[in-house]
């Protein structure tokens, strides 16, 4: 298989190898593919969760929504993330 890269991408790959972060140009491409595979897997899982949630037609009360928002806001604040 041959892959054509833009000049800036090729420079990036060569720099990553010359910096010693990767052992070869192939290693850089292989790592990129593994990242893409992981991303695609996470997207597939998220899509499945969305589809599953769309099937759930049970009603949620205002109080349950408020409680969930409060829990999430407390989690974010505990992590130092203001919302």
N, C-alpha and C. Protein backbone atom coordinates (compact mmCIF):
# COMPACT_ATOMS: atom_id res chain seq x y z
N UNK A 1 0.85 -1.17 0.00
CA UNK A 1 0.00 0.00 0.00
C UNK A 1 0.90 1.24 0.00
N UNK A 2 0.53 2.18 -0.79
CA UNK A 2 1.25 3.44 -0.79
C UNK A 2 0.30 4.53 -0.32
N UNK A 3 0.84 5.46 0.45
CA UNK A 3 0.03 6.53 1.00
C UNK A 3 0.65 7.86 0.59
N UNK A 4 -0.18 8.74 0.08
CA UNK A 4 0.29 10.08 -0.28
C UNK A 4 -0.06 11.03 0.85
N UNK A 5 0.94 11.78 1.31
CA UNK A 5 0.73 12.75 2.38
C UNK A 5 0.99 14.15 1.85
N UNK A 6 0.33 15.10 2.48
CA UNK A 6 0.66 16.49 2.18
C UNK A 6 2.06 16.76 2.70
N UNK A 7 2.71 17.76 2.15
CA UNK A 7 4.09 18.06 2.54
C UNK A 7 4.21 18.30 4.05
N UNK A 8 3.27 19.04 4.61
CA UNK A 8 3.32 19.33 6.05
C UNK A 8 3.17 18.05 6.88
N UNK A 9 2.34 17.12 6.40
CA UNK A 9 2.17 15.85 7.11
C UNK A 9 3.44 15.02 7.03
N UNK A 10 4.04 15.01 5.86
CA UNK A 10 5.28 14.25 5.68
C UNK A 10 6.37 14.83 6.58
N UNK A 11 6.46 16.14 6.63
CA UNK A 11 7.44 16.80 7.51
C UNK A 11 7.19 16.44 8.96
N UNK A 12 5.94 16.41 9.36
CA UNK A 12 5.58 16.05 10.73
C UNK A 12 6.04 14.64 11.07
N UNK A 13 5.78 13.70 10.16
CA UNK A 13 6.17 12.31 10.37
C UNK A 13 7.69 12.21 10.47
N UNK A 14 8.38 12.82 9.57
CA UNK A 14 9.85 12.76 9.59
C UNK A 14 10.41 13.38 10.86
N UNK A 15 9.81 14.48 11.31
CA UNK A 15 10.27 15.13 12.54
C UNK A 15 10.04 14.24 13.76
N UNK A 16 8.90 13.57 13.80
CA UNK A 16 8.60 12.66 14.91
C UNK A 16 9.63 11.54 15.00
N UNK A 17 10.07 11.06 13.85
CA UNK A 17 11.09 10.00 13.83
C UNK A 17 12.45 10.59 14.22
N UNK A 18 12.81 11.73 13.65
CA UNK A 18 14.13 12.30 13.94
C UNK A 18 14.23 12.75 15.40
N UNK A 19 13.10 13.12 16.02
CA UNK A 19 13.10 13.48 17.44
C UNK A 19 13.23 12.26 18.34
N UNK A 20 13.08 11.09 17.75
CA UNK A 20 13.19 9.85 18.53
C UNK A 20 11.91 9.41 19.19
N UNK A 21 10.80 10.08 18.85
CA UNK A 21 9.51 9.68 19.44
C UNK A 21 8.99 8.39 18.84
N UNK A 22 9.41 8.09 17.62
CA UNK A 22 9.01 6.86 16.94
C UNK A 22 10.25 6.28 16.27
N UNK A 23 10.24 4.96 16.06
CA UNK A 23 11.40 4.30 15.49
C UNK A 23 11.44 4.37 13.97
N UNK A 24 10.28 4.61 13.36
CA UNK A 24 10.22 4.64 11.90
C UNK A 24 8.98 5.41 11.45
N UNK A 25 8.97 5.74 10.18
CA UNK A 25 7.80 6.41 9.61
C UNK A 25 6.59 5.49 9.68
N UNK A 26 6.82 4.20 9.48
CA UNK A 26 5.72 3.22 9.58
C UNK A 26 5.13 3.21 10.98
N UNK A 27 5.99 3.34 11.99
CA UNK A 27 5.51 3.34 13.37
C UNK A 27 4.59 4.54 13.63
N UNK A 28 4.92 5.68 13.04
CA UNK A 28 4.07 6.87 13.19
C UNK A 28 2.70 6.60 12.58
N UNK A 29 2.69 6.06 11.37
CA UNK A 29 1.43 5.78 10.68
C UNK A 29 0.63 4.72 11.43
N UNK A 30 1.30 3.68 11.93
CA UNK A 30 0.61 2.63 12.68
C UNK A 30 -0.04 3.19 13.94
N UNK A 31 0.68 4.08 14.63
CA UNK A 31 0.12 4.70 15.83
C UNK A 31 -1.11 5.54 15.47
N UNK A 32 -1.02 6.28 14.39
CA UNK A 32 -2.16 7.08 13.94
C UNK A 32 -3.36 6.22 13.62
N UNK A 33 -3.12 5.09 13.02
CA UNK A 33 -4.22 4.18 12.69
C UNK A 33 -4.84 3.61 13.96
N UNK A 34 -4.00 3.26 14.94
CA UNK A 34 -4.54 2.75 16.21
C UNK A 34 -5.41 3.81 16.89
N UNK A 35 -4.98 5.08 16.85
CA UNK A 35 -5.79 6.15 17.42
C UNK A 35 -7.13 6.27 16.69
N UNK A 36 -7.09 6.19 15.38
CA UNK A 36 -8.31 6.28 14.59
C UNK A 36 -9.24 5.11 14.90
N UNK A 37 -8.67 3.91 15.04
CA UNK A 37 -9.49 2.74 15.38
C UNK A 37 -10.16 2.93 16.74
N UNK A 38 -9.40 3.44 17.72
CA UNK A 38 -9.96 3.67 19.05
C UNK A 38 -11.08 4.70 18.99
N UNK A 39 -10.87 5.76 18.22
CA UNK A 39 -11.89 6.80 18.06
C UNK A 39 -13.15 6.23 17.43
N UNK A 40 -12.98 5.44 16.39
CA UNK A 40 -14.14 4.84 15.71
C UNK A 40 -14.89 3.91 16.65
N UNK A 41 -14.16 3.16 17.50
CA UNK A 41 -14.80 2.27 18.46
C UNK A 41 -15.62 3.07 19.47
N UNK A 42 -15.04 4.16 19.97
CA UNK A 42 -15.77 5.00 20.93
C UNK A 42 -17.01 5.62 20.29
N UNK A 43 -16.89 6.05 19.04
CA UNK A 43 -18.05 6.60 18.35
C UNK A 43 -19.14 5.54 18.17
N UNK A 44 -18.75 4.33 17.84
CA UNK A 44 -19.73 3.25 17.69
C UNK A 44 -20.44 2.97 19.01
N UNK A 45 -19.67 2.98 20.11
CA UNK A 45 -20.27 2.75 21.42
C UNK A 45 -21.23 3.89 21.77
N UNK A 46 -20.83 5.11 21.48
CA UNK A 46 -21.70 6.25 21.75
C UNK A 46 -22.97 6.19 20.92
N UNK A 47 -22.84 5.84 19.64
CA UNK A 47 -24.03 5.71 18.80
C UNK A 47 -24.98 4.64 19.35
N UNK A 48 -24.41 3.53 19.82
CA UNK A 48 -25.24 2.47 20.38
C UNK A 48 -25.96 2.96 21.63
N UNK A 49 -25.27 3.73 22.47
CA UNK A 49 -25.91 4.27 23.67
C UNK A 49 -27.02 5.24 23.31
N UNK A 50 -26.79 6.06 22.30
CA UNK A 50 -27.83 7.00 21.86
C UNK A 50 -29.03 6.23 21.36
N UNK A 51 -28.80 5.23 20.53
CA UNK A 51 -29.91 4.43 20.01
C UNK A 51 -30.68 3.76 21.14
N UNK A 52 -29.96 3.24 22.13
CA UNK A 52 -30.60 2.59 23.26
C UNK A 52 -31.43 3.59 24.06
N UNK A 53 -30.87 4.78 24.24
CA UNK A 53 -31.60 5.79 25.02
C UNK A 53 -32.85 6.27 24.28
N UNK A 54 -32.80 6.26 22.96
CA UNK A 54 -33.98 6.66 22.19
C UNK A 54 -35.11 5.65 22.33
N UNK A 55 -34.77 4.42 22.64
CA UNK A 55 -35.79 3.39 22.85
C UNK A 55 -36.48 3.54 24.19
N UNK A 56 -35.78 4.17 25.15
CA UNK A 56 -36.33 4.35 26.49
C UNK A 56 -37.30 5.51 26.48
N UNK A 57 -38.56 5.20 26.60
CA UNK A 57 -39.59 6.25 26.55
C UNK A 57 -40.18 6.55 27.92
N UNK A 58 -39.52 6.07 28.97
CA UNK A 58 -40.06 6.34 30.31
C UNK A 58 -39.92 7.82 30.63
N UNK A 59 -40.86 8.30 31.39
CA UNK A 59 -40.87 9.72 31.75
C UNK A 59 -39.93 9.97 32.92
N UNK A 60 -39.36 11.17 32.92
CA UNK A 60 -38.48 11.59 34.00
C UNK A 60 -39.08 12.86 34.58
N UNK A 61 -39.16 12.90 35.90
CA UNK A 61 -39.78 14.06 36.55
C UNK A 61 -38.80 15.24 36.58
N UNK A 62 -39.35 16.41 36.79
CA UNK A 62 -38.52 17.61 36.93
C UNK A 62 -37.54 17.45 38.09
N UNK A 63 -38.00 16.82 39.16
CA UNK A 63 -37.14 16.63 40.33
C UNK A 63 -35.96 15.72 40.00
N UNK A 64 -36.22 14.68 39.22
CA UNK A 64 -35.14 13.78 38.82
C UNK A 64 -34.12 14.50 37.94
N UNK A 65 -34.61 15.33 37.05
CA UNK A 65 -33.71 16.11 36.19
C UNK A 65 -32.89 17.08 37.02
N UNK A 66 -33.54 17.80 37.93
CA UNK A 66 -32.82 18.73 38.80
C UNK A 66 -31.76 18.01 39.63
N UNK A 67 -32.10 16.85 40.17
CA UNK A 67 -31.15 16.09 40.98
C UNK A 67 -29.96 15.65 40.13
N UNK A 68 -30.22 15.22 38.91
CA UNK A 68 -29.13 14.79 38.03
C UNK A 68 -28.22 15.96 37.68
N UNK A 69 -28.81 17.11 37.42
CA UNK A 69 -28.01 18.31 37.12
C UNK A 69 -27.17 18.70 38.32
N UNK A 70 -27.78 18.65 39.50
CA UNK A 70 -27.04 18.99 40.71
C UNK A 70 -25.89 18.03 40.96
N UNK A 71 -26.12 16.73 40.76
CA UNK A 71 -25.04 15.74 40.93
C UNK A 71 -23.89 16.02 39.97
N UNK A 72 -24.24 16.28 38.71
CA UNK A 72 -23.21 16.52 37.70
C UNK A 72 -22.44 17.80 38.00
N UNK A 73 -23.15 18.85 38.43
CA UNK A 73 -22.47 20.10 38.74
C UNK A 73 -21.51 19.91 39.92
N UNK A 74 -21.91 19.12 40.90
CA UNK A 74 -21.03 18.84 42.04
C UNK A 74 -19.79 18.04 41.60
N UNK A 75 -19.99 17.09 40.69
CA UNK A 75 -18.85 16.33 40.15
C UNK A 75 -17.87 17.26 39.45
N UNK A 76 -18.40 18.18 38.63
CA UNK A 76 -17.55 19.11 37.90
C UNK A 76 -16.81 20.04 38.85
N UNK A 77 -17.52 20.55 39.84
CA UNK A 77 -16.90 21.44 40.81
C UNK A 77 -15.81 20.72 41.60
N UNK A 78 -16.05 19.45 41.94
CA UNK A 78 -15.05 18.66 42.67
C UNK A 78 -13.79 18.47 41.84
N UNK A 79 -13.94 18.47 40.52
CA UNK A 79 -12.79 18.36 39.62
C UNK A 79 -12.17 19.71 39.30
N UNK A 80 -12.75 20.77 39.89
CA UNK A 80 -12.23 22.10 39.64
C UNK A 80 -12.68 22.70 38.33
N UNK A 81 -13.78 22.18 37.79
CA UNK A 81 -14.32 22.68 36.52
C UNK A 81 -15.58 23.48 36.80
N UNK A 82 -15.48 24.80 36.73
CA UNK A 82 -16.70 25.58 36.95
C UNK A 82 -17.65 25.44 35.77
N UNK A 83 -18.89 25.42 36.04
CA UNK A 83 -19.85 25.33 34.94
C UNK A 83 -20.71 26.52 35.00
